Amino acid sequence: MITVHEVETAVRHLTPEELASFRNWFLAYDAEQWDRQIEADVRAGRLDALAVEPQTAEGTLALAAQVYAGLSEQDVDELERIALNRSG
């Protein structure tokens, strides 16, 4: 098995075309992994609280704060990356 350092070194040596190809593959792979995790969370009932639609702006903010508080730093970074990709 190769190490993260070896992968990083290999990526640094890619041509621009190879890097673009790798980036496209990795984004698709990462999205697939994210989808699998969400599906597992849904099956386990961890997202049930999100199924209730808040009736007010205050309810929406309270629910968002509750969800945000339960996220890891990595999850927050991933959500920010997704939001930036969708807006750009």
PDB file of N, CA and C in Angstrom:
ATOM      1  N   MET A   1       0.850  -1.176   0.000  1.00  0.00           N
ATOM      2  CA  MET A   1       0.000   0.000   0.000  1.00  0.00           C
ATOM      3  C   MET A   1       0.896   1.240   0.000  1.00  0.00           C
ATOM      4  N   ILE A   2       0.507   2.230  -0.770  1.00  0.00           N
ATOM      5  CA  ILE A   2       1.302   3.451  -0.839  1.00  0.00           C
ATOM      6  C   ILE A   2       0.856   4.430   0.241  1.00  0.00           C
ATOM      7  N   THR A   3       1.728   5.345   0.574  1.00  0.00           N
ATOM      8  CA  THR A   3       1.428   6.313   1.631  1.00  0.00           C
ATOM      9  C   THR A   3       0.834   7.585   1.028  1.00  0.00           C
ATOM     10  N   VAL A   4       0.244   8.391   1.892  1.00  0.00           N
ATOM     11  CA  VAL A   4      -0.290   9.687   1.455  1.00  0.00           C
ATOM     12  C   VAL A   4       0.838  10.536   0.886  1.00  0.00           C
ATOM     13  N   HIS A   5       1.992  10.482   1.514  1.00  0.00           N
ATOM     14  CA  HIS A   5       3.140  11.251   1.026  1.00  0.00           C
ATOM     15  C   HIS A   5       3.505  10.834  -0.405  1.00  0.00           C
ATOM     16  N   GLU A   6       3.469   9.545  -0.687  1.00  0.00           N
ATOM     17  CA  GLU A   6       3.783   9.071  -2.033  1.00  0.00           C
ATOM     18  C   GLU A   6       2.744   9.546  -3.045  1.00  0.00           C
ATOM     19  N   VAL A   7       1.484   9.569  -2.635  1.00  0.00           N
ATOM     20  CA  VAL A   7       0.423  10.073  -3.518  1.00  0.00           C
ATOM     21  C   VAL A   7       0.639  11.553  -3.774  1.00  0.00           C
ATOM     22  N   GLU A   8       0.919  12.312  -2.725  1.00  0.00           N
ATOM     23  CA  GLU A   8       1.166  13.750  -2.878  1.00  0.00           C
ATOM     24  C   GLU A   8       2.327  14.001  -3.831  1.00  0.00           C
ATOM     25  N   THR A   9       3.384  13.242  -3.679  1.00  0.00           N
ATOM     26  CA  THR A   9       4.552  13.401  -4.556  1.00  0.00           C
ATOM     27  C   THR A   9       4.182  13.097  -5.997  1.00  0.00           C
ATOM     28  N   ALA A  10       3.440  12.022  -6.202  1.00  0.00           N
ATOM     29  CA  ALA A  10       3.026  11.651  -7.555  1.00  0.00           C
ATOM     30  C   ALA A  10       2.152  12.735  -8.178  1.00  0.00           C
ATOM     31  N   VAL A  11       1.225  13.286  -7.392  1.00  0.00           N
ATOM     32  CA  VAL A  11       0.328  14.325  -7.905  1.00  0.00           C
ATOM     33  C   VAL A  11       1.121  15.565  -8.308  1.00  0.00           C
ATOM     34  N   ARG A  12       2.132  15.902  -7.532  1.00  0.00           N
ATOM     35  CA  ARG A  12       2.958  17.073  -7.865  1.00  0.00           C
ATOM     36  C   ARG A  12       3.699  16.910  -9.192  1.00  0.00           C
ATOM     37  N   HIS A  13       3.893  15.683  -9.635  1.00  0.00           N
ATOM     38  CA  HIS A  13       4.625  15.434 -10.873  1.00  0.00           C
ATOM     39  C   HIS A  13       3.720  15.244 -12.089  1.00  0.00           C
ATOM     40  N   LEU A  14       2.410  15.380 -11.913  1.00  0.00           N
ATOM     41  CA  LEU A  14       1.487  15.225 -13.031  1.00  0.00           C
ATOM     42  C   LEU A  14       1.570  16.425 -13.978  1.00  0.00           C
ATOM     43  N   THR A  15       1.350  16.156 -15.239  1.00  0.00           N
ATOM     44  CA  THR A  15       1.233  17.251 -16.202  1.00  0.00           C
ATOM     45  C   THR A  15      -0.089  17.968 -15.936  1.00  0.00           C
ATOM     46  N   PRO A  16      -0.268  19.165 -16.468  1.00  0.00           N
ATOM     47  CA  PRO A  16      -1.545  19.858 -16.266  1.00  0.00           C
ATOM     48  C   PRO A  16      -2.745  19.029 -16.747  1.00  0.00           C
ATOM     49  N   GLU A  17      -2.574  18.327 -17.856  1.00  0.00           N
ATOM     50  CA  GLU A  17      -3.667  17.508 -18.380  1.00  0.00           C
ATOM     51  C   GLU A  17      -3.952  16.328 -17.451  1.00  0.00           C
ATOM     52  N   GLU A  18      -2.890  15.692 -16.955  1.00  0.00           N
ATOM     53  CA  GLU A  18      -3.064  14.572 -16.033  1.00  0.00           C
ATOM     54  C   GLU A  18      -3.688  15.048 -14.714  1.00  0.00           C
ATOM     55  N   LEU A  19      -3.271  16.229 -14.258  1.00  0.00           N
ATOM     56  CA  LEU A  19      -3.827  16.777 -13.036  1.00  0.00           C
ATOM     57  C   LEU A  19      -5.321  17.056 -13.195  1.00  0.00           C
ATOM     58  N   ALA A  20      -5.708  17.596 -14.336  1.00  0.00           N
ATOM     59  CA  ALA A  20      -7.128  17.860 -14.592  1.00  0.00           C
ATOM     60  C   ALA A  20      -7.918  16.551 -14.600  1.00  0.00           C
ATOM     61  N   SER A  21      -7.364  15.544 -15.224  1.00  0.00           N
ATOM     62  CA  SER A  21      -8.025  14.237 -15.261  1.00  0.00           C
ATOM     63  C   SER A  21      -8.139  13.650 -13.851  1.00  0.00           C
ATOM     64  N   PHE A  22      -7.042  13.727 -13.094  1.00  0.00           N
ATOM     65  CA  PHE A  22      -7.061  13.227 -11.720  1.00  0.00           C
ATOM     66  C   PHE A  22      -8.075  13.994 -10.881  1.00  0.00           C
ATOM     67  N   ARG A  23      -8.095  15.310 -11.023  1.00  0.00           N
ATOM     68  CA  ARG A  23      -9.021  16.141 -10.253  1.00  0.00           C
ATOM     69  C   ARG A  23     -10.462  15.729 -10.535  1.00  0.00           C
ATOM     70  N   ASN A  24     -10.791  15.534 -11.816  1.00  0.00           N
ATOM     71  CA  ASN A  24     -12.151  15.124 -12.178  1.00  0.00           C
ATOM     72  C   ASN A  24     -12.494  13.769 -11.569  1.00  0.00           C
ATOM     73  N   TRP A  25     -11.543  12.828 -11.656  1.00  0.00           N
ATOM     74  CA  TRP A  25     -11.778  11.516 -11.069  1.00  0.00           C
ATOM     75  C   TRP A  25     -11.969  11.631  -9.558  1.00  0.00           C
ATOM     76  N   PHE A  26     -11.086  12.387  -8.905  1.00  0.00           N
ATOM     77  CA  PHE A  26     -11.145  12.465  -7.450  1.00  0.00           C
ATOM     78  C   PHE A  26     -12.429  13.144  -6.981  1.00  0.00           C
ATOM     79  N   LEU A  27     -12.850  14.189  -7.663  1.00  0.00           N
ATOM     80  CA  LEU A  27     -14.102  14.854  -7.275  1.00  0.00           C
ATOM     81  C   LEU A  27     -15.281  13.897  -7.382  1.00  0.00           C
ATOM     82  N   ALA A  28     -15.313  13.100  -8.459  1.00  0.00           N
ATOM     83  CA  ALA A  28     -16.384  12.115  -8.617  1.00  0.00           C
ATOM     84  C   ALA A  28     -16.292  11.044  -7.530  1.00  0.00           C
ATOM     85  N   TYR A  29     -15.092  10.580  -7.256  1.00  0.00           N
ATOM     86  CA  TYR A  29     -14.881   9.577  -6.209  1.00  0.00           C
ATOM     87  C   TYR A  29     -15.300  10.119  -4.844  1.00  0.00           C
ATOM     88  N   ASP A  30     -14.881  11.334  -4.538  1.00  0.00           N
ATOM     89  CA  ASP A  30     -15.205  11.950  -3.261  1.00  0.00           C
ATOM     90  C   ASP A  30     -16.714  12.139  -3.117  1.00  0.00           C
ATOM     91  N   ALA A  31     -17.377  12.565  -4.185  1.00  0.00           N
ATOM     92  CA  ALA A  31     -18.832  12.744  -4.149  1.00  0.00           C
ATOM     93  C   ALA A  31     -19.531  11.403  -3.915  1.00  0.00           C
ATOM     94  N   GLU A  32     -19.016  10.348  -4.525  1.00  0.00           N
ATOM     95  CA  GLU A  32     -19.591   9.012  -4.337  1.00  0.00           C
ATOM     96  C   GLU A  32     -19.444   8.566  -2.874  1.00  0.00           C
ATOM     97  N   GLN A  33     -18.283   8.814  -2.301  1.00  0.00           N
ATOM     98  CA  GLN A  33     -18.065   8.452  -0.897  1.00  0.00           C
ATOM     99  C   GLN A  33     -18.999   9.255   0.012  1.00  0.00           C
ATOM    100  N   TRP A  34     -19.153  10.531  -0.298  1.00  0.00           N
ATOM    101  CA  TRP A  34     -20.054  11.403   0.475  1.00  0.00           C
ATOM    102  C   TRP A  34     -21.482  10.867   0.391  1.00  0.00           C
ATOM    103  N   ASP A  35     -21.918  10.517  -0.817  1.00  0.00           N
ATOM    104  CA  ASP A  35     -23.270   9.980  -1.006  1.00  0.00           C
ATOM    105  C   ASP A  35     -23.472   8.697  -0.196  1.00  0.00           C
ATOM    106  N   ARG A  36     -22.469   7.822  -0.212  1.00  0.00           N
ATOM    107  CA  ARG A  36     -22.570   6.571   0.556  1.00  0.00           C
ATOM    108  C   ARG A  36     -22.692   6.858   2.049  1.00  0.00           C
ATOM    109  N   GLN A  37     -21.951   7.845   2.532  1.00  0.00           N
ATOM    110  CA  GLN A  37     -22.028   8.184   3.948  1.00  0.00           C
ATOM    111  C   GLN A  37     -23.399   8.754   4.288  1.00  0.00           C
ATOM    112  N   ILE A  38     -23.913   9.619   3.439  1.00  0.00           N
ATOM    113  CA  ILE A  38     -25.252  10.189   3.667  1.00  0.00           C
ATOM    114  C   ILE A  38     -26.293   9.072   3.667  1.00  0.00           C
ATOM    115  N   GLU A  39     -26.207   8.163   2.702  1.00  0.00           N
ATOM    116  CA  GLU A  39     -27.153   7.045   2.638  1.00  0.00           C
ATOM    117  C   GLU A  39     -27.081   6.195   3.899  1.00  0.00           C
ATOM    118  N   ALA A  40     -25.872   5.939   4.391  1.00  0.00           N
ATOM    119  CA  ALA A  40     -25.707   5.166   5.627  1.00  0.00           C
ATOM    120  C   ALA A  40     -26.304   5.923   6.809  1.00  0.00           C
ATOM    121  N   ASP A  41     -26.100   7.235   6.850  1.00  0.00           N
ATOM    122  CA  ASP A  41     -26.656   8.049   7.927  1.00  0.00           C
ATOM    123  C   ASP A  41     -28.184   8.041   7.886  1.00  0.00           C
ATOM    124  N   VAL A  42     -28.752   8.093   6.689  1.00  0.00           N
ATOM    125  CA  VAL A  42     -30.207   8.046   6.542  1.00  0.00           C
ATOM    126  C   VAL A  42     -30.732   6.707   7.038  1.00  0.00           C
ATOM    127  N   ARG A  43     -30.108   5.619   6.596  1.00  0.00           N
ATOM    128  CA  ARG A  43     -30.549   4.280   7.021  1.00  0.00           C
ATOM    129  C   ARG A  43     -30.454   4.114   8.536  1.00  0.00           C
ATOM    130  N   ALA A  44     -29.446   4.732   9.146  1.00  0.00           N
ATOM    131  CA  ALA A  44     -29.248   4.623  10.592  1.00  0.00           C
ATOM    132  C   ALA A  44     -30.130   5.598  11.377  1.00  0.00           C
ATOM    133  N   GLY A  45     -30.862   6.462  10.664  1.00  0.00           N
ATOM    134  CA  GLY A  45     -31.751   7.402  11.339  1.00  0.00           C
ATOM    135  C   GLY A  45     -31.077   8.644  11.866  1.00  0.00           C
ATOM    136  N   ARG A  46     -29.809   8.849  11.509  1.00  0.00           N
ATOM    137  CA  ARG A  46     -29.082  10.004  12.040  1.00  0.00           C
ATOM    138  C   ARG A  46     -29.546  11.336  11.438  1.00  0.00           C
ATOM    139  N   LEU A  47     -30.307  11.280  10.359  1.00  0.00           N
ATOM    140  CA  LEU A  47     -30.763  12.519   9.728  1.00  0.00           C
ATOM    141  C   LEU A  47     -32.269  12.729   9.876  1.00  0.00           C
ATOM    142  N   ASP A  48     -32.899  11.912  10.706  1.00  0.00           N
ATOM    143  CA  ASP A  48     -34.349  12.007  10.867  1.00  0.00           C
ATOM    144  C   ASP A  48     -34.807  13.394  11.298  1.00  0.00           C
ATOM    145  N   ALA A  49     -34.034  14.056  12.141  1.00  0.00           N
ATOM    146  CA  ALA A  49     -34.417  15.387  12.612  1.00  0.00           C
ATOM    147  C   ALA A  49     -34.483  16.388  11.461  1.00  0.00           C
ATOM    148  N   LEU A  50     -33.736  16.133  10.406  1.00  0.00           N
ATOM    149  CA  LEU A  50     -33.736  17.051   9.271  1.00  0.00           C
ATOM    150  C   LEU A  50     -34.983  16.900   8.403  1.00  0.00           C
ATOM    151  N   ALA A  51     -35.709  15.815   8.572  1.00  0.00           N
ATOM    152  CA  ALA A  51     -36.902  15.578   7.755  1.00  0.00           C
ATOM    153  C   ALA A  51     -38.059  16.484   8.158  1.00  0.00           C
ATOM    154  N   VAL A  52     -38.001  17.056   9.336  1.00  0.00           N
ATOM    155  CA  VAL A  52     -39.038  17.969   9.800  1.00  0.00           C
ATOM    156  C   VAL A  52     -38.732  19.348   9.244  1.00  0.00           C
ATOM    157  N   GLU A  53     -39.652  19.855   8.454  1.00  0.00           N
ATOM    158  CA  GLU A  53     -39.426  21.162   7.828  1.00  0.00           C
ATOM    159  C   GLU A  53     -39.804  22.277   8.793  1.00  0.00           C
ATOM    160  N   PRO A  54     -38.879  23.137   9.135  1.00  0.00           N
ATOM    161  CA  PRO A  54     -39.193  24.242  10.045  1.00  0.00           C
ATOM    162  C   PRO A  54     -40.239  25.173   9.427  1.00  0.00           C
ATOM    163  N   GLN A  55     -41.122  25.692  10.266  1.00  0.00           N
ATOM    164  CA  GLN A  55     -42.208  26.539   9.789  1.00  0.00           C
ATOM    165  C   GLN A  55     -41.861  28.019   9.818  1.00  0.00           C
ATOM    166  N   THR A  56     -40.759  28.396  10.450  1.00  0.00           N
ATOM    167  CA  THR A  56     -40.397  29.804  10.563  1.00  0.00           C
ATOM    168  C   THR A  56     -38.916  29.982  10.259  1.00  0.00           C
ATOM    169  N   ALA A  57     -38.534  31.216  10.014  1.00  0.00           N
ATOM    170  CA  ALA A  57     -37.116  31.511   9.789  1.00  0.00           C
ATOM    171  C   ALA A  57     -36.317  31.172  11.045  1.00  0.00           C
ATOM    172  N   GLU A  58     -36.900  31.460  12.213  1.00  0.00           N
ATOM    173  CA  GLU A  58     -36.212  31.140  13.466  1.00  0.00           C
ATOM    174  C   GLU A  58     -36.026  29.637  13.605  1.00  0.00           C
ATOM    175  N   GLY A  59     -37.033  28.877  13.203  1.00  0.00           N
ATOM    176  CA  GLY A  59     -36.938  27.417  13.255  1.00  0.00           C
ATOM    177  C   GLY A  59     -35.870  26.899  12.313  1.00  0.00           C
ATOM    178  N   THR A  60     -35.783  27.518  11.149  1.00  0.00           N
ATOM    179  CA  THR A  60     -34.755  27.130  10.182  1.00  0.00           C
ATOM    180  C   THR A  60     -33.369  27.388  10.752  1.00  0.00           C
ATOM    181  N   LEU A  61     -33.179  28.567  11.343  1.00  0.00           N
ATOM    182  CA  LEU A  61     -31.886  28.902  11.932  1.00  0.00           C
ATOM    183  C   LEU A  61     -31.553  27.994  13.109  1.00  0.00           C
ATOM    184  N   ALA A  62     -32.538  27.680  13.920  1.00  0.00           N
ATOM    185  CA  ALA A  62     -32.300  26.802  15.072  1.00  0.00           C
ATOM    186  C   ALA A  62     -31.902  25.409  14.603  1.00  0.00           C
ATOM    187  N   LEU A  63     -32.577  24.909  13.580  1.00  0.00           N
ATOM    188  CA  LEU A  63     -32.242  23.587  13.051  1.00  0.00           C
ATOM    189  C   LEU A  63     -30.855  23.594  12.428  1.00  0.00           C
ATOM    190  N   ALA A  64     -30.539  24.649  11.690  1.00  0.00           N
ATOM    191  CA  ALA A  64     -29.213  24.750  11.079  1.00  0.00           C
ATOM    192  C   ALA A  64     -28.131  24.782  12.151  1.00  0.00           C
ATOM    193  N   ALA A  65     -28.367  25.517  13.228  1.00  0.00           N
ATOM    194  CA  ALA A  65     -27.391  25.586  14.314  1.00  0.00           C
ATOM    195  C   ALA A  65     -27.220  24.225  14.977  1.00  0.00           C
ATOM    196  N   GLN A  66     -28.312  23.498  15.128  1.00  0.00           N
ATOM    197  CA  GLN A  66     -28.253  22.164  15.737  1.00  0.00           C
ATOM    198  C   GLN A  66     -27.455  21.212  14.863  1.00  0.00           C
ATOM    199  N   VAL A  67     -27.707  21.238  13.580  1.00  0.00           N
ATOM    200  CA  VAL A  67     -26.984  20.364  12.649  1.00  0.00           C
ATOM    201  C   VAL A  67     -25.517  20.749  12.605  1.00  0.00           C
ATOM    202  N   TYR A  68     -25.247  22.050  12.493  1.00  0.00           N
ATOM    203  CA  TYR A  68     -23.868  22.534  12.421  1.00  0.00           C
ATOM    204  C   TYR A  68     -23.074  22.126  13.657  1.00  0.00           C
ATOM    205  N   ALA A  69     -23.693  22.198  14.811  1.00  0.00           N
ATOM    206  CA  ALA A  69     -23.013  21.862  16.060  1.00  0.00           C
ATOM    207  C   ALA A  69     -22.592  20.403  16.099  1.00  0.00           C
ATOM    208  N   GLY A  70     -23.310  19.543  15.371  1.00  0.00           N
ATOM    209  CA  GLY A  70     -22.989  18.121  15.375  1.00  0.00           C
ATOM    210  C   GLY A  70     -21.998  17.708  14.310  1.00  0.00           C
ATOM    211  N   LEU A  71     -21.544  18.645  13.497  1.00  0.00           N
ATOM    212  CA  LEU A  71     -20.626  18.318  12.411  1.00  0.00           C
ATOM    213  C   LEU A  71     -19.180  18.402  12.867  1.00  0.00           C
ATOM    214  N   SER A  72     -18.379  17.538  12.272  1.00  0.00           N
ATOM    215  CA  SER A  72     -16.941  17.631  12.521  1.00  0.00           C
ATOM    216  C   SER A  72     -16.380  18.758  11.659  1.00  0.00           C
ATOM    217  N   GLU A  73     -15.172  19.169  11.969  1.00  0.00           N
ATOM    218  CA  GLU A  73     -14.515  20.209  11.172  1.00  0.00           C
ATOM    219  C   GLU A  73     -14.380  19.755   9.720  1.00  0.00           C
ATOM    220  N   GLN A  74     -14.097  18.474   9.518  1.00  0.00           N
ATOM    221  CA  GLN A  74     -13.973  17.923   8.164  1.00  0.00           C
ATOM    222  C   GLN A  74     -15.305  18.016   7.421  1.00  0.00           C
ATOM    223  N   ASP A  75     -16.415  17.715   8.112  1.00  0.00           N
ATOM    224  CA  ASP A  75     -17.731  17.819   7.489  1.00  0.00           C
ATOM    225  C   ASP A  75     -18.036  19.257   7.083  1.00  0.00           C
ATOM    226  N   VAL A  76     -17.711  20.195   7.966  1.00  0.00           N
ATOM    227  CA  VAL A  76     -17.948  21.614   7.669  1.00  0.00           C
ATOM    228  C   VAL A  76     -17.131  22.036   6.451  1.00  0.00           C
ATOM    229  N   ASP A  77     -15.863  21.623   6.408  1.00  0.00           N
ATOM    230  CA  ASP A  77     -15.017  21.946   5.258  1.00  0.00           C
ATOM    231  C   ASP A  77     -15.602  21.373   3.981  1.00  0.00           C
ATOM    232  N   GLU A  78     -16.107  20.147   4.051  1.00  0.00           N
ATOM    233  CA  GLU A  78     -16.698  19.494   2.872  1.00  0.00           C
ATOM    234  C   GLU A  78     -17.949  20.229   2.416  1.00  0.00           C
ATOM    235  N   LEU A  79     -18.791  20.628   3.345  1.00  0.00           N
ATOM    236  CA  LEU A  79     -19.995  21.379   2.981  1.00  0.00           C
ATOM    237  C   LEU A  79     -19.646  22.724   2.355  1.00  0.00           C
ATOM    238  N   GLU A  80     -18.632  23.381   2.890  1.00  0.00           N
ATOM    239  CA  GLU A  80     -18.197  24.652   2.311  1.00  0.00           C
ATOM    240  C   GLU A  80     -17.663  24.443   0.899  1.00  0.00           C
ATOM    241  N   ARG A  81     -16.902  23.362   0.692  1.00  0.00           N
ATOM    242  CA  ARG A  81     -16.368  23.059  -0.642  1.00  0.00           C
ATOM    243  C   ARG A  81     -17.508  22.813  -1.626  1.00  0.00           C
ATOM    244  N   ILE A  82     -18.514  22.062  -1.202  1.00  0.00           N
ATOM    245  CA  ILE A  82     -19.648  21.780  -2.068  1.00  0.00           C
ATOM    246  C   ILE A  82     -20.404  23.061  -2.399  1.00  0.00           C
ATOM    247  N   ALA A  83     -20.621  23.892  -1.385  1.00  0.00           N
ATOM    248  CA  ALA A  83     -21.345  25.159  -1.607  1.00  0.00           C
ATOM    249  C   ALA A  83     -20.577  26.047  -2.587  1.00  0.00           C
ATOM    250  N   LEU A  84     -19.266  26.108  -2.437  1.00  0.00           N
ATOM    251  CA  LEU A  84     -18.466  26.931  -3.351  1.00  0.00           C
ATOM    252  C   LEU A  84     -18.511  26.372  -4.766  1.00  0.00           C
ATOM    253  N   ASN A  85     -18.476  25.055  -4.919  1.00  0.00           N
ATOM    254  CA  ASN A  85     -18.540  24.447  -6.252  1.00  0.00           C
ATOM    255  C   ASN A  85     -19.881  24.713  -6.918  1.00  0.00           C
ATOM    256  N   ARG A  86     -20.951  24.707  -6.147  1.00  0.00           N
ATOM    257  CA  ARG A  86     -22.288  24.933  -6.700  1.00  0.00           C
ATOM    258  C   ARG A  86     -22.516  26.387  -7.072  1.00  0.00           C
ATOM    259  N   SER A  87     -21.890  27.297  -6.326  1.00  0.00           N
ATOM    260  CA  SER A  87     -22.095  28.723  -6.594  1.00  0.00           C
ATOM    261  C   SER A  87     -21.179  29.232  -7.697  1.00  0.00           C
ATOM    262  N   GLY A  88     -20.119  28.505  -7.983  1.00  0.00           N
ATOM    263  CA  GLY A  88     -19.148  28.976  -8.961  1.00  0.00           C
ATOM    264  C   GLY A  88     -19.251  28.266 -10.198  1.00  0.00           C
TER     265      GLY A  88
END
